[in-house]
N, C-alpha and C. Protein backbone atom coordinates (compact mmCIF):
# COMPACT_ATOMS: atom_id res chain seq x y z
N MET A 1 110.75 75.73 90.77
CA MET A 1 109.71 75.81 91.91
C MET A 1 108.44 76.78 91.45
N ALA A 2 107.35 76.36 91.15
CA ALA A 2 106.72 77.05 91.02
C ALA A 2 105.50 77.34 92.02
N ASP A 3 105.38 78.72 92.45
CA ASP A 3 103.80 78.43 93.34
C ASP A 3 102.64 78.51 92.79
N VAL A 4 101.61 78.03 93.02
CA VAL A 4 100.48 78.28 92.87
C VAL A 4 99.41 78.91 93.82
N THR A 5 99.07 80.16 93.59
CA THR A 5 97.74 80.77 94.93
C THR A 5 96.58 81.04 94.07
N LEU A 6 95.84 80.53 95.28
CA LEU A 6 94.26 81.06 95.00
C LEU A 6 93.70 82.01 96.22
N HIS A 7 93.31 83.09 95.88
CA HIS A 7 92.30 83.99 96.27
C HIS A 7 91.16 83.72 96.33
N TYR A 8 91.07 84.19 97.38
CA TYR A 8 88.96 83.92 97.58
C TYR A 8 88.44 84.47 98.52
N ARG A 9 87.16 84.58 98.55
CA ARG A 9 86.35 85.62 99.89
C ARG A 9 85.15 83.80 100.00
N THR A 10 85.31 83.77 101.22
CA THR A 10 84.22 82.58 102.01
C THR A 10 83.21 83.39 101.97
N ALA A 11 82.29 82.24 102.21
CA ALA A 11 80.86 82.02 102.25
C ALA A 11 80.72 83.79 103.47
N GLY A 12 81.67 83.43 104.62
CA GLY A 12 81.10 84.36 105.16
C GLY A 12 81.83 85.93 105.18
N GLY A 13 82.32 86.01 104.38
CA GLY A 13 82.86 87.58 103.53
C GLY A 13 84.30 87.49 103.96
N VAL A 14 84.98 86.84 104.75
CA VAL A 14 86.44 86.72 104.74
C VAL A 14 87.30 86.33 103.36
N LEU A 15 88.04 87.14 103.36
CA LEU A 15 89.18 87.18 102.39
C LEU A 15 90.42 86.53 103.02
N ALA A 16 91.10 85.54 101.93
CA ALA A 16 91.70 84.00 102.10
C ALA A 16 92.07 84.05 100.66
N SER A 17 93.66 83.64 101.24
CA SER A 17 94.57 83.17 100.05
C SER A 17 95.05 81.68 100.21
N ARG A 18 95.21 80.95 99.70
CA ARG A 18 96.01 79.39 99.62
C ARG A 18 96.99 79.07 98.51
N THR A 19 98.52 78.94 99.05
CA THR A 19 98.93 78.99 98.22
C THR A 19 100.20 77.34 98.09
N ALA A 20 100.15 76.70 97.01
CA ALA A 20 100.41 75.57 97.14
C ALA A 20 102.19 75.21 96.34
N THR A 21 103.05 74.79 97.07
CA THR A 21 104.19 74.96 96.57
C THR A 21 104.56 73.66 95.52
N GLY A 22 105.95 73.45 95.17
CA GLY A 22 106.32 72.47 94.96
C GLY A 22 107.01 71.99 93.83
N ASP A 23 107.78 70.85 92.71
CA ASP A 23 107.90 70.99 91.73
C ASP A 23 106.81 70.95 91.34
N ASP A 24 105.84 70.38 90.99
CA ASP A 24 104.60 70.24 90.26
C ASP A 24 103.43 70.78 90.98
N PRO A 25 103.48 71.91 91.68
CA PRO A 25 102.25 72.42 92.65
C PRO A 25 100.77 72.06 92.06
N GLN A 26 99.73 71.35 92.57
CA GLN A 26 98.40 71.95 92.16
C GLN A 26 97.90 72.37 92.53
N PRO A 27 96.75 73.29 91.83
CA PRO A 27 96.13 74.59 92.27
C PRO A 27 95.63 73.97 93.67
N PRO A 28 94.92 75.14 94.62
CA PRO A 28 94.68 74.57 95.80
C PRO A 28 92.66 74.81 95.82
N THR A 29 92.28 73.91 96.11
CA THR A 29 90.87 73.27 96.10
C THR A 29 90.25 74.97 96.55
N LEU A 30 89.00 75.38 96.28
CA LEU A 30 88.54 76.59 96.94
C LEU A 30 87.23 75.68 97.67
N PRO A 31 87.30 76.38 98.59
CA PRO A 31 86.33 75.86 99.88
C PRO A 31 85.11 75.77 99.45
N GLU A 32 84.06 75.35 100.21
CA GLU A 32 83.14 74.95 99.83
C GLU A 32 82.24 76.58 100.45
N GLY A 33 81.67 77.26 98.93
CA GLY A 33 80.89 78.67 99.24
C GLY A 33 81.56 79.78 99.36
N ALA A 34 83.01 79.49 98.58
CA ALA A 34 83.74 80.48 98.51
C ALA A 34 83.81 81.14 97.17
N THR A 35 84.03 82.44 96.69
CA THR A 35 84.47 82.80 95.68
C THR A 35 85.33 83.06 95.16
N ALA A 36 85.70 82.20 94.27
CA ALA A 36 87.35 83.17 93.67
C ALA A 36 87.75 84.40 93.14
N LEU A 37 88.61 84.93 93.44
CA LEU A 37 88.98 85.99 93.09
C LEU A 37 90.53 86.10 92.28
N THR A 38 90.16 86.96 91.52
CA THR A 38 91.91 87.28 90.80
C THR A 38 92.73 87.96 91.55
N GLU A 39 94.21 87.91 91.66
CA GLU A 39 94.80 88.86 92.38
C GLU A 39 94.48 90.36 92.35
N ALA A 40 94.15 91.05 91.66
CA ALA A 40 93.69 92.12 91.72
C ALA A 40 92.82 92.65 92.49
N GLU A 41 91.60 91.72 92.00
CA GLU A 41 90.36 91.96 93.27
C GLU A 41 90.45 91.75 94.47
N TYR A 42 91.86 90.47 94.68
CA TYR A 42 92.13 90.09 95.82
C TYR A 42 92.39 91.43 96.50
N ALA A 43 93.75 92.31 96.21
CA ALA A 43 94.21 93.13 96.16
C ALA A 43 93.82 94.48 96.24
N ASP A 44 92.33 94.75 95.46
CA ASP A 44 91.40 95.73 95.99
C ASP A 44 90.66 95.62 97.02
N ALA A 45 90.16 94.41 97.23
CA ALA A 45 88.70 94.12 98.31
C ALA A 45 90.27 94.33 100.02
N LEU A 46 91.56 94.02 99.70
CA LEU A 46 92.06 93.72 100.59
C LEU A 46 92.39 94.94 101.26
N ALA A 47 92.33 96.08 100.19
CA ALA A 47 92.78 97.81 100.14
C ALA A 47 91.53 98.27 101.24
N ASP A 48 90.48 97.84 100.40
CA ASP A 48 89.01 98.09 101.22
C ASP A 48 88.67 98.28 102.97
N VAL A 49 89.49 96.75 102.88
CA VAL A 49 89.35 96.20 104.35
C VAL A 49 90.31 97.07 105.50
N GLN A 50 91.67 97.31 104.49
CA GLN A 50 92.62 97.90 105.15
C GLN A 50 91.98 99.77 105.76
N ALA A 51 91.52 100.15 104.49
CA ALA A 51 90.97 101.33 104.58
C ALA A 51 90.04 101.79 106.01
N GLN A 52 88.80 100.62 105.65
CA GLN A 52 87.72 100.59 106.35
C GLN A 52 88.62 100.50 107.96
N ARG A 53 89.63 99.41 108.85
CA ARG A 53 89.89 99.17 109.61
C ARG A 53 90.43 100.35 110.04
N GLN A 54 91.47 101.44 109.31
CA GLN A 54 92.05 102.71 109.58
C GLN A 54 91.15 103.50 110.14
N ALA A 55 90.09 103.41 109.42
CA ALA A 55 88.93 104.56 109.43
C ALA A 55 87.91 104.12 110.86
N HIS A 56 88.17 102.89 111.34
CA HIS A 56 87.81 102.72 112.27
C HIS A 56 88.52 102.93 113.51
N ALA A 57 89.54 102.76 113.27
CA ALA A 57 90.69 103.21 114.72
C ALA A 57 90.59 104.83 114.50
N GLN A 58 90.44 105.47 113.66
CA GLN A 58 90.58 106.82 113.64
C GLN A 58 89.50 107.55 114.52
N GLN A 59 88.13 106.92 114.36
CA GLN A 59 86.95 107.26 115.01
C GLN A 59 86.85 106.88 116.25
N LEU A 60 87.69 105.61 116.39
CA LEU A 60 87.78 105.16 118.01
C LEU A 60 88.97 106.11 118.58
N THR A 61 89.50 106.32 117.94
CA THR A 61 90.66 107.54 118.71
C THR A 61 90.15 108.95 119.02
N GLU A 62 89.22 109.47 117.94
CA GLU A 62 88.63 110.93 118.38
C GLU A 62 87.21 110.66 119.34
N GLU A 63 86.85 109.66 119.45
CA GLU A 63 86.04 109.39 120.43
C GLU A 63 86.82 109.50 121.97
N ALA A 64 87.42 108.50 122.10
CA ALA A 64 88.67 108.62 123.06
C ALA A 64 89.13 110.19 123.86
N GLU A 65 89.53 110.89 122.91
CA GLU A 65 90.04 111.69 123.09
C GLU A 65 88.87 113.26 123.43
N ALA A 66 87.32 112.78 122.86
CA ALA A 66 86.38 113.59 122.80
C ALA A 66 85.85 113.27 124.42
N ASN A 67 86.01 111.91 124.91
CA ASN A 67 85.35 111.49 126.19
C ASN A 67 86.76 112.13 127.44
N GLN A 68 87.80 111.90 126.77
CA GLN A 68 88.94 112.60 127.85
C GLN A 68 88.62 114.07 128.11
N SER A 69 88.23 114.86 126.82
CA SER A 69 88.28 115.82 127.12
C SER A 69 87.36 116.37 127.92
N ALA A 70 86.10 115.63 127.71
CA ALA A 70 85.13 116.02 128.25
C ALA A 70 85.14 115.54 129.89
N ASP A 71 85.81 114.51 129.83
CA ASP A 71 86.01 114.05 131.68
C ASP A 71 86.90 115.61 132.02
N TYR A 72 88.18 115.94 131.46
CA TYR A 72 88.76 117.03 132.10
C TYR A 72 87.87 118.13 132.22
N THR A 73 87.05 118.88 131.79
CA THR A 73 86.22 119.57 131.25
C THR A 73 85.45 119.70 132.87
N ALA A 74 84.76 118.43 132.94
CA ALA A 74 84.11 118.00 134.07
C ALA A 74 84.72 118.27 135.47
N LEU A 75 85.75 117.77 135.29
CA LEU A 75 86.84 117.35 136.78
C LEU A 75 87.06 119.11 136.96
N ARG A 76 87.69 119.75 136.00
CA ARG A 76 87.79 121.36 135.77
C ARG A 76 86.61 122.13 136.79
N THR A 77 85.40 121.96 135.98
CA THR A 77 84.58 122.51 136.44
C THR A 77 84.29 122.23 137.83
N ALA A 78 84.54 121.38 138.39
CA ALA A 78 84.71 120.99 139.62
C ALA A 78 85.57 121.41 140.49
N GLY A 79 86.18 122.18 140.62
CA GLY A 79 87.28 122.71 140.92
C GLY A 79 88.39 121.74 141.20
N ILE A 80 88.71 120.70 140.44
CA ILE A 80 89.67 119.72 140.85
C ILE A 80 91.12 120.25 140.27
N PRO A 81 92.53 120.66 140.38
CA PRO A 81 93.34 120.90 140.13
C PRO A 81 94.07 120.69 138.62
N GLU A 82 93.93 121.72 137.59
CA GLU A 82 94.79 120.83 136.39
C GLU A 82 95.60 119.95 136.25
N ALA A 83 96.59 119.45 136.99
CA ALA A 83 97.25 118.52 137.45
C ALA A 83 96.67 117.05 137.46
N THR A 84 95.70 117.10 138.80
CA THR A 84 95.04 116.09 138.97
C THR A 84 94.15 115.60 137.92
N ALA A 85 92.94 116.81 137.38
CA ALA A 85 92.29 116.44 136.22
C ALA A 85 92.87 115.71 134.94
N ARG A 86 93.78 115.92 134.71
CA ARG A 86 94.53 115.50 133.50
C ARG A 86 95.19 114.09 133.79
N ARG A 87 95.51 113.88 135.06
CA ARG A 87 95.72 112.52 135.08
C ARG A 87 94.74 111.51 135.17
N LEU A 88 93.99 112.11 136.08
CA LEU A 88 92.38 111.61 136.00
C LEU A 88 91.61 111.16 135.24
N SER A 89 91.83 112.19 134.01
CA SER A 89 91.13 111.98 132.57
C SER A 89 91.84 111.44 131.43
N GLY A 90 93.29 111.64 131.46
CA GLY A 90 94.23 111.49 130.90
C GLY A 90 94.45 112.26 129.71
N TYR A 91 93.65 113.66 129.87
CA TYR A 91 93.59 114.19 128.66
C TYR A 91 95.12 114.93 128.73
N THR A 92 95.65 115.20 127.68
CA THR A 92 96.75 116.01 127.39
C THR A 92 96.49 116.95 126.49
N GLY A 93 95.56 117.55 126.37
CA GLY A 93 95.36 118.90 125.23
C GLY A 93 95.83 120.31 125.64
N PRO A 94 95.00 121.42 124.99
CA PRO A 94 95.70 122.18 125.75
C PRO A 94 94.46 123.24 127.04
N ASP A 95 95.01 123.78 128.10
CA ASP A 95 93.80 124.09 129.19
C ASP A 95 92.66 124.52 128.78
N GLY A 96 91.42 124.53 128.63
CA GLY A 96 90.56 125.26 128.60
C GLY A 96 89.72 126.46 129.45
N ASP A 97 90.74 126.48 130.25
CA ASP A 97 90.35 127.80 131.23
C ASP A 97 91.37 129.21 130.19
């Protein structure tokens, strides 16, 4: 049995692939408005998407840590004990005092 895989980007920009299997598989049809990609083009585009997702996740983590630090500092400045300020803010970094 041989598999026939079609890699493509939809009109909306989504990366996708379809695989036909069987004794004599017919190539899958390309959805309307989609652009066919080679396996290498698909792999490169997928790697780009994964890198963008990883960078976005890192950015969100950094923003959350900065917010926790700012909240912790504000609580400590207001005279809240360290343990309570950590618990309320979720901050786990070093004490800034």
